[in-house]
Amino acid sequence: MFKINNLANQTSHIVTEQKGIFSIVEHNVDFSVAPCNAMEEYYMSQMNVKRKQAIANLNGKVGLVLQAGAMQYIVGNVQATTGLKGVGDFLGKMVKSSVTKESAIKPEYVGTGVLVTEPTYKYLLTENVGDWTGGLIMEDGMFLACESTVKHEIQARSSLSSAALGNEGLFNLRLAGNGVCVLESNVPRSEIVEIALQDDVLKIDGSFAICWSGSLSFTVERSGKTLLGSAASGEGLVNVYKGTGKVWLAPLTPSQSLVSATHAKSAK
């Protein structure tokens, strides 16, 4: 039997999202500062730059798959496993790791208890994977955790040109099946623009897409019908998503320029 006090008190530690086994806690007030960085911390809080943590409540039925190194502490009868099902599974995960820039071995936690992740300045978003047609594809580095019912797969680009010309990688992590996942986003949910397509086309001038449905095809095309038309428009090549599904856009910040070293900051 255990009890955790002052983890989510709705005053300084606010629960912002709750879905599946996950709750997201935002540390609204941080008094553990020194005189040398008090001003910096104050202005960061005014701009909503606050530490967040994901809390997983394990009930013995659904396990938790976590990004390697993201666990801060565990309370209760919870065991960690590698989640490997043999040599073939290990080799497959090594291949996935090499092409998606994700850790090869993501520990799986099972049992009854509570797991809390390391604090981060990134925005933690919970999503039902089943709500994304064909699975949820994300930019590299966004995966933090998911329920063990979620499958991890590799999604290849529709063509080599979509990777080389679209300024994107050739492969991305795709979550499939049913269950809830937690994403580490460099932008808050309030800034994300969701575009739902029904047998239609989305053209983006730049790397502004951070998540999209696996049912969509991704290519790179000229913005105009001809080279002259593309030159006249001033856009040149655009990223094109076709089909039925949805796309998340971070229109204020291209994904290629987002700052990712927030875990280092959180360790201060």
Protein backbone atom coordinates (compact mmCIF):
# COMPACT_ATOMS: atom_id res chain seq x y z
CA MET A 1 0.00 0.00 0.00
CA PHE A 2 1.33 3.46 -0.85
CA LYS A 3 0.19 7.04 -1.08
CA ILE A 4 1.79 9.87 -3.05
CA ASN A 5 1.23 13.34 -1.61
CA ASN A 6 1.70 16.70 -3.33
CA LEU A 7 2.28 15.28 -6.81
CA ALA A 8 -0.86 16.80 -8.34
CA ASN A 9 -2.29 19.31 -5.88
CA GLN A 10 -4.13 21.50 -8.44
CA THR A 11 -2.28 24.59 -7.16
CA SER A 12 1.37 24.36 -8.08
CA HIS A 13 1.21 20.94 -9.81
CA ILE A 14 -1.69 21.03 -12.25
CA VAL A 15 -3.04 18.06 -14.25
CA THR A 16 -3.41 19.38 -17.80
CA GLU A 17 -4.36 16.16 -19.64
CA GLN A 18 -5.61 12.73 -18.66
CA LYS A 19 -6.09 9.82 -21.03
CA GLY A 20 -5.75 6.05 -20.65
CA ILE A 21 -3.19 5.25 -17.98
CA PHE A 22 -1.53 8.65 -18.37
CA SER A 23 -1.86 11.98 -16.58
CA ILE A 24 0.21 15.02 -17.48
CA VAL A 25 1.31 17.27 -14.62
CA GLU A 26 2.55 20.81 -15.21
CA HIS A 27 4.58 22.45 -12.47
CA ASN A 28 2.87 25.81 -12.49
CA VAL A 29 5.05 27.34 -9.77
CA ASP A 30 8.71 26.47 -9.26
CA PHE A 31 10.22 27.95 -6.12
CA SER A 32 13.41 25.87 -6.20
CA VAL A 33 15.50 28.61 -7.79
CA ALA A 34 18.64 30.45 -6.75
CA PRO A 35 19.19 34.25 -6.81
CA CYS A 36 21.41 33.88 -9.87
CA ASN A 37 18.63 32.42 -12.04
CA ALA A 38 15.46 33.75 -10.37
CA MET A 39 14.88 36.39 -13.07
CA GLU A 40 15.35 33.91 -15.89
CA GLU A 41 12.97 31.43 -14.24
CA TYR A 42 10.38 34.17 -13.69
CA TYR A 43 10.26 35.24 -17.33
CA MET A 44 10.22 31.60 -18.43
CA SER A 45 7.13 31.01 -16.29
CA GLN A 46 5.45 34.07 -17.79
CA MET A 47 5.97 32.61 -21.27
CA ASN A 48 4.54 29.25 -20.14
CA VAL A 49 7.98 27.60 -20.19
CA LYS A 50 7.30 25.22 -17.33
CA ARG A 51 8.40 21.74 -16.39
CA LYS A 52 6.02 18.87 -17.13
CA GLN A 53 5.95 15.21 -16.17
CA ALA A 54 3.93 12.22 -17.32
CA ILE A 55 2.41 9.96 -14.67
CA ALA A 56 1.46 6.39 -15.60
CA ASN A 57 -0.98 4.56 -13.33
CA LEU A 58 -0.36 0.85 -13.89
CA ASN A 59 -3.24 -1.43 -12.88
CA GLY A 60 -1.69 -4.80 -13.70
CA LYS A 61 -3.63 -5.14 -16.96
CA VAL A 62 -1.99 -2.68 -19.37
CA GLY A 63 1.79 -2.25 -19.46
CA LEU A 64 3.84 0.84 -20.29
CA VAL A 65 6.49 1.24 -22.99
CA LEU A 66 8.83 4.14 -22.24
CA GLN A 67 11.60 5.94 -24.05
CA ALA A 68 14.92 4.73 -22.64
CA GLY A 69 16.19 6.90 -19.78
CA ALA A 70 12.91 8.77 -19.28
CA MET A 71 11.91 7.19 -15.94
CA GLN A 72 12.39 9.29 -12.76
CA TYR A 73 10.85 7.02 -10.12
CA ILE A 74 8.46 4.10 -9.62
CA VAL A 75 6.18 3.39 -6.68
CA GLY A 76 4.60 -0.01 -6.16
CA ASN A 77 5.03 -3.54 -7.47
CA VAL A 78 6.28 -2.66 -10.96
CA GLN A 79 8.92 -4.57 -12.90
CA ALA A 80 10.89 -3.46 -15.95
CA THR A 81 11.51 -5.76 -18.89
CA THR A 82 13.24 -5.24 -22.22
CA GLY A 83 10.08 -6.08 -24.16
CA LEU A 84 12.17 -8.32 -26.45
CA LYS A 85 10.62 -11.51 -27.78
CA GLY A 86 13.80 -13.13 -29.06
CA VAL A 87 16.86 -12.52 -31.22
CA GLY A 88 14.78 -11.70 -34.30
CA ASP A 89 12.82 -9.10 -32.38
CA PHE A 90 16.07 -7.55 -31.12
CA LEU A 91 17.52 -7.31 -34.63
CA GLY A 92 14.29 -5.80 -35.92
CA LYS A 93 14.32 -3.14 -33.21
CA MET A 94 17.98 -2.35 -33.97
CA VAL A 95 17.01 -1.72 -37.60
CA LYS A 96 14.12 0.50 -36.53
CA SER A 97 16.44 2.44 -34.24
CA SER A 98 19.02 3.05 -36.96
CA VAL A 99 16.49 4.58 -39.35
CA THR A 100 14.13 6.43 -36.98
CA LYS A 101 16.70 7.85 -34.48
CA GLU A 102 14.72 6.31 -31.60
CA SER A 103 16.27 4.13 -28.89
CA ALA A 104 16.48 0.47 -29.94
CA ILE A 105 15.37 -0.94 -26.59
CA LYS A 106 12.42 0.79 -24.99
CA PRO A 107 11.83 -0.70 -21.52
CA GLU A 108 8.39 -2.09 -20.80
CA TYR A 109 6.98 -1.74 -17.29
CA VAL A 110 4.34 -4.11 -15.96
CA GLY A 111 2.65 -4.54 -12.61
CA THR A 112 0.65 -2.40 -10.23
CA GLY A 113 1.88 1.04 -9.22
CA VAL A 114 2.83 4.49 -10.46
CA LEU A 115 5.66 5.55 -12.76
CA VAL A 116 6.71 9.19 -13.12
CA THR A 117 8.90 10.42 -15.97
CA GLU A 118 11.79 12.87 -15.89
CA PRO A 119 10.69 16.54 -15.99
CA THR A 120 10.90 18.28 -19.33
CA TYR A 121 10.23 21.75 -20.70
CA LYS A 122 8.62 20.24 -23.78
CA TYR A 123 4.84 20.03 -24.05
CA LEU A 124 3.47 16.56 -23.28
CA LEU A 125 0.46 15.56 -25.39
CA THR A 126 -1.69 12.45 -24.95
CA GLU A 127 -3.27 10.86 -28.02
CA ASN A 128 -5.44 7.84 -28.80
CA VAL A 129 -3.50 6.03 -31.53
CA GLY A 130 -6.72 4.49 -32.84
CA ASP A 131 -8.00 7.97 -33.74
CA TRP A 132 -5.37 8.20 -36.51
CA THR A 133 -6.29 6.35 -39.70
CA GLY A 134 -3.46 4.03 -40.65
CA GLY A 135 -1.57 4.80 -37.46
CA LEU A 136 0.15 7.88 -36.04
CA ILE A 137 3.39 8.96 -37.73
CA MET A 138 5.54 11.51 -35.93
CA GLU A 139 8.69 13.55 -36.35
CA ASP A 140 11.87 12.07 -34.87
CA GLY A 141 12.26 12.51 -31.13
CA MET A 142 8.59 13.03 -30.28
CA PHE A 143 7.87 9.62 -28.75
CA LEU A 144 7.92 9.49 -24.94
CA ALA A 145 5.62 6.65 -23.86
CA CYS A 146 2.65 4.50 -24.81
CA GLU A 147 0.48 1.71 -23.52
CA SER A 148 1.82 -1.76 -24.27
CA THR A 149 -1.12 -2.44 -26.61
CA VAL A 150 0.36 0.02 -29.13
CA LYS A 151 2.55 -1.39 -31.93
CA HIS A 152 5.81 0.27 -33.04
CA GLU A 153 6.44 0.16 -36.77
CA ILE A 154 8.52 1.89 -39.44
CA GLN A 155 6.86 4.10 -42.04
CA ALA A 156 8.87 4.70 -45.20
CA ARG A 157 8.34 7.78 -47.33
CA SER A 158 6.29 7.36 -50.48
CA SER A 159 9.37 7.99 -52.59
CA LEU A 160 13.06 8.77 -52.22
CA SER A 161 12.40 12.28 -53.55
CA SER A 162 10.06 12.99 -50.63
CA ALA A 163 12.97 12.49 -48.25
CA ALA A 164 15.76 14.13 -50.24
CA LEU A 165 13.80 17.11 -51.54
CA GLY A 166 11.38 17.48 -48.63
CA ASN A 167 14.22 17.99 -46.14
CA GLU A 168 12.90 15.01 -44.15
CA GLY A 169 14.21 11.58 -43.19
CA LEU A 170 13.43 8.52 -45.25
CA PHE A 171 11.78 6.70 -42.32
CA ASN A 172 9.59 7.70 -39.37
CA LEU A 173 8.22 5.96 -36.31
CA ARG A 174 4.60 4.89 -36.73
CA LEU A 175 2.39 3.90 -33.81
CA ALA A 176 -0.44 1.55 -34.74
CA GLY A 177 -3.23 -0.41 -33.09
CA ASN A 178 -5.18 0.72 -30.04
CA GLY A 179 -3.98 2.52 -26.96
CA VAL A 180 -2.77 5.88 -25.70
CA CYS A 181 0.62 7.46 -26.33
CA VAL A 182 2.43 10.49 -24.92
CA LEU A 183 4.27 12.79 -27.33
CA GLU A 184 6.97 15.33 -26.51
CA SER A 185 6.14 18.41 -28.57
CA ASN A 186 8.15 21.59 -28.93
CA VAL A 187 4.91 23.55 -29.36
CA PRO A 188 1.78 23.54 -27.15
CA ARG A 189 -1.44 21.91 -28.26
CA SER A 190 -3.02 25.38 -28.54
CA GLU A 191 -0.63 26.26 -31.39
CA ILE A 192 -1.10 23.04 -33.35
CA VAL A 193 -3.33 23.34 -36.41
CA GLU A 194 -5.11 20.11 -37.32
CA ILE A 195 -6.09 19.62 -40.95
CA ALA A 196 -8.49 16.76 -41.70
CA LEU A 197 -8.42 15.49 -45.29
CA GLN A 198 -11.12 13.45 -47.01
CA ASP A 199 -9.70 12.30 -50.35
CA ASP A 200 -7.99 15.65 -50.68
CA VAL A 201 -4.56 17.26 -50.83
CA LEU A 202 -2.47 19.37 -48.44
CA LYS A 203 0.59 21.25 -49.72
CA ILE A 204 3.09 22.69 -47.22
CA ASP A 205 5.96 25.03 -47.99
CA GLY A 206 8.44 23.82 -45.38
CA SER A 207 8.80 21.29 -42.56
CA PHE A 208 5.79 22.37 -40.52
CA ALA A 209 4.09 18.95 -40.23
CA ILE A 210 4.88 17.20 -36.94
CA CYS A 211 2.35 14.31 -37.01
CA TRP A 212 0.20 12.77 -39.72
CA SER A 213 -1.96 9.74 -40.44
CA GLY A 214 -0.30 6.66 -41.87
CA SER A 215 -3.03 6.46 -44.50
CA LEU A 216 -1.69 9.59 -46.23
CA SER A 217 0.91 9.46 -48.97
CA PHE A 218 3.74 11.99 -48.75
CA THR A 219 5.56 13.31 -51.81
CA VAL A 220 7.41 16.44 -52.88
CA GLU A 221 6.11 18.31 -55.90
CA ARG A 222 6.48 21.61 -57.70
CA SER A 223 4.15 24.27 -56.38
CA GLY A 224 3.08 25.08 -59.95
CA LYS A 225 2.24 22.86 -62.90
CA THR A 226 5.42 23.93 -64.67
CA LEU A 227 8.93 24.95 -63.64
CA LEU A 228 8.15 28.49 -64.80
CA GLY A 229 4.97 28.52 -62.72
CA SER A 230 6.85 27.32 -59.64
CA ALA A 231 9.49 29.98 -60.12
CA ALA A 232 6.86 32.67 -60.56
CA SER A 233 5.08 31.66 -57.35
CA GLY A 234 8.30 31.97 -55.35
CA GLU A 235 7.60 28.69 -53.55
CA GLY A 236 9.47 26.09 -55.64
CA LEU A 237 8.97 22.64 -54.09
CA VAL A 238 6.27 21.84 -51.54
CA ASN A 239 5.55 18.84 -49.30
CA VAL A 240 2.33 17.18 -50.42
CA TYR A 241 0.06 14.95 -48.33
CA LYS A 242 -2.70 13.13 -50.22
CA GLY A 243 -5.60 10.91 -49.24
CA THR A 244 -7.80 10.59 -46.17
CA GLY A 245 -6.44 11.34 -42.72
CA LYS A 246 -5.19 14.26 -40.68
CA VAL A 247 -2.04 16.32 -40.31
CA TRP A 248 -0.78 18.32 -37.35
CA LEU A 249 0.99 21.54 -38.26
CA ALA A 250 3.20 23.74 -36.09
CA PRO A 251 2.84 26.81 -38.34
CA LEU A 252 4.89 29.18 -36.18
CA THR A 253 8.06 27.06 -36.07
CA PRO A 254 9.45 24.66 -38.70
CA SER A 255 10.12 21.23 -37.19
CA GLN A 256 13.74 21.27 -38.41
CA SER A 257 14.58 24.31 -36.25
CA LEU A 258 12.86 23.25 -33.03
CA VAL A 259 15.07 23.14 -29.96
CA SER A 260 15.38 19.60 -28.58
CA ALA A 261 17.83 20.00 -25.67
CA THR A 262 15.18 20.56 -23.04
CA HIS A 263 16.03 17.56 -20.87
CA ALA A 264 19.43 19.15 -20.24
CA LYS A 265 17.71 22.29 -19.00
CA SER A 266 15.38 20.33 -16.77
CA ALA A 267 18.35 18.78 -14.99
CA LYS A 268 19.37 22.14 -13.50
